[in-house]
Protein backbone atom coordinates (compact mmCIF):
# COMPACT_ATOMS: atom_id res chain seq x y z
CA MET A 1 -159.60 -140.60 -4.00
CA SER A 2 -156.61 -142.45 -4.17
CA HIS A 3 -153.09 -140.85 -4.40
CA THR A 4 -152.65 -141.95 -7.98
CA LEU A 5 -155.80 -140.12 -8.96
CA LYS A 6 -154.83 -136.90 -7.18
CA VAL A 7 -151.33 -136.94 -8.67
CA ILE A 8 -152.94 -137.46 -12.28
CA ALA A 9 -155.31 -134.69 -11.55
CA GLY A 10 -152.37 -132.38 -10.30
CA GLY A 11 -150.55 -133.14 -13.94
CA LEU A 12 -153.74 -132.26 -15.88
CA ALA A 13 -154.22 -128.94 -13.73
CA LEU A 14 -150.35 -128.08 -14.19
CA LEU A 15 -151.08 -128.96 -18.12
CA GLY A 16 -153.83 -126.34 -18.13
CA LEU A 17 -151.28 -124.05 -16.26
CA PHE A 18 -148.76 -124.47 -19.02
CA LEU A 19 -151.34 -124.10 -21.61
CA VAL A 20 -152.53 -120.92 -20.25
CA ALA A 21 -148.74 -119.58 -20.14
CA GLY A 22 -148.45 -120.73 -23.69
CA ARG A 23 -151.59 -118.62 -24.55
CA LEU A 24 -150.65 -115.40 -22.74
CA LEU A 25 -147.06 -115.75 -24.28
CA GLY A 26 -148.41 -116.32 -28.01
CA GLY A 27 -149.73 -113.08 -28.82
CA ALA A 28 -151.96 -112.77 -31.84
CA ALA A 29 -151.08 -116.23 -32.99
CA PRO A 30 -151.17 -118.34 -29.97
CA ALA A 31 -151.47 -121.95 -31.28
CA PRO A 32 -147.56 -122.34 -31.79
CA SER A 33 -146.96 -121.07 -28.28
CA ILE A 34 -149.48 -123.31 -26.91
CA ALA A 35 -148.34 -126.32 -28.70
CA ALA A 36 -144.69 -125.42 -27.53
CA ALA A 37 -145.86 -125.27 -23.99
CA ALA A 38 -147.67 -128.83 -24.11
CA ARG A 39 -144.28 -130.37 -25.34
CA TRP A 40 -142.53 -128.40 -22.71
CA PHE A 41 -145.10 -129.86 -20.00
CA ILE A 42 -144.05 -133.20 -20.79
CA LEU A 43 -140.46 -132.90 -19.84
CA PHE A 44 -141.73 -131.12 -16.39
CA TRP A 45 -144.20 -133.83 -15.89
CA LEU A 46 -141.34 -136.67 -16.50
CA ILE A 47 -139.54 -135.12 -13.52
CA GLY A 48 -142.57 -134.39 -11.20
CA ALA A 49 -143.96 -138.14 -11.98
CA GLY A 50 -140.09 -139.28 -11.31
CA LEU A 51 -140.29 -137.08 -8.07
CA ASN A 52 -143.43 -139.09 -6.99
CA MET A 53 -141.85 -142.33 -7.49
CA TRP A 54 -138.81 -141.47 -5.47
CA VAL A 55 -141.08 -140.43 -2.80
CA GLY A 56 -143.00 -143.50 -2.79
CA VAL A 57 -140.06 -145.62 -2.98
CA THR A 58 -137.99 -143.81 -0.26
CA LYS A 59 -140.52 -142.47 2.07
CA ALA A 60 -143.52 -144.60 1.78
CA GLY A 61 -141.37 -147.68 1.51
CA TYR A 62 -143.00 -149.47 -1.56
CA PRO A 63 -140.58 -151.51 -3.63
CA VAL A 64 -139.50 -150.06 -7.16
CA ALA A 65 -141.08 -153.00 -8.97
CA GLU A 66 -144.59 -152.15 -7.32
CA GLU A 67 -144.03 -148.47 -7.71
CA ALA A 68 -142.98 -148.49 -11.58
CA PRO A 69 -146.09 -149.51 -13.09
CA ILE A 70 -147.85 -146.53 -11.01
CA PHE A 71 -145.16 -144.31 -12.37
CA VAL A 72 -145.92 -145.29 -15.91
CA VAL A 73 -149.74 -144.49 -15.43
CA VAL A 74 -149.03 -141.16 -13.61
CA PHE A 75 -146.70 -140.30 -16.65
CA VAL A 76 -148.43 -141.45 -19.44
CA VAL A 77 -152.14 -139.93 -18.98
CA PRO A 78 -151.34 -136.14 -18.79
CA SER A 79 -148.40 -136.79 -21.20
CA LEU A 80 -150.73 -138.27 -23.75
CA ALA A 81 -153.12 -135.38 -23.29
CA ALA A 82 -150.31 -132.95 -23.87
CA ALA A 83 -149.01 -134.83 -26.70
CA PHE A 84 -152.44 -134.91 -28.49
CA LEU A 85 -152.87 -130.85 -27.77
CA ALA A 86 -149.45 -130.29 -29.32
CA TRP A 87 -150.19 -132.49 -32.08
CA ARG A 88 -153.60 -130.83 -32.91
CA LEU A 89 -152.36 -127.19 -32.42
CA ARG A 90 -149.29 -127.71 -34.92
């Protein structure tokens, strides 16, 4: 499996953890808490995907122009899942 797919899978797993935390903190009506957790995930995932890009540029030696499209894919796939869930649970 390529590194990009592993990072995307890690992002989806992290989203799952955020959703579980939202469910646990939600009490009797967890949907708003789960939706909020999904929205918070997007911010945290932006930072995580940015760190992944930084490592690719500084440690692996990829140029920014080559790493930027990968950053977009790595960020967008889990973020779209989170945004969809947040939208559906509102």
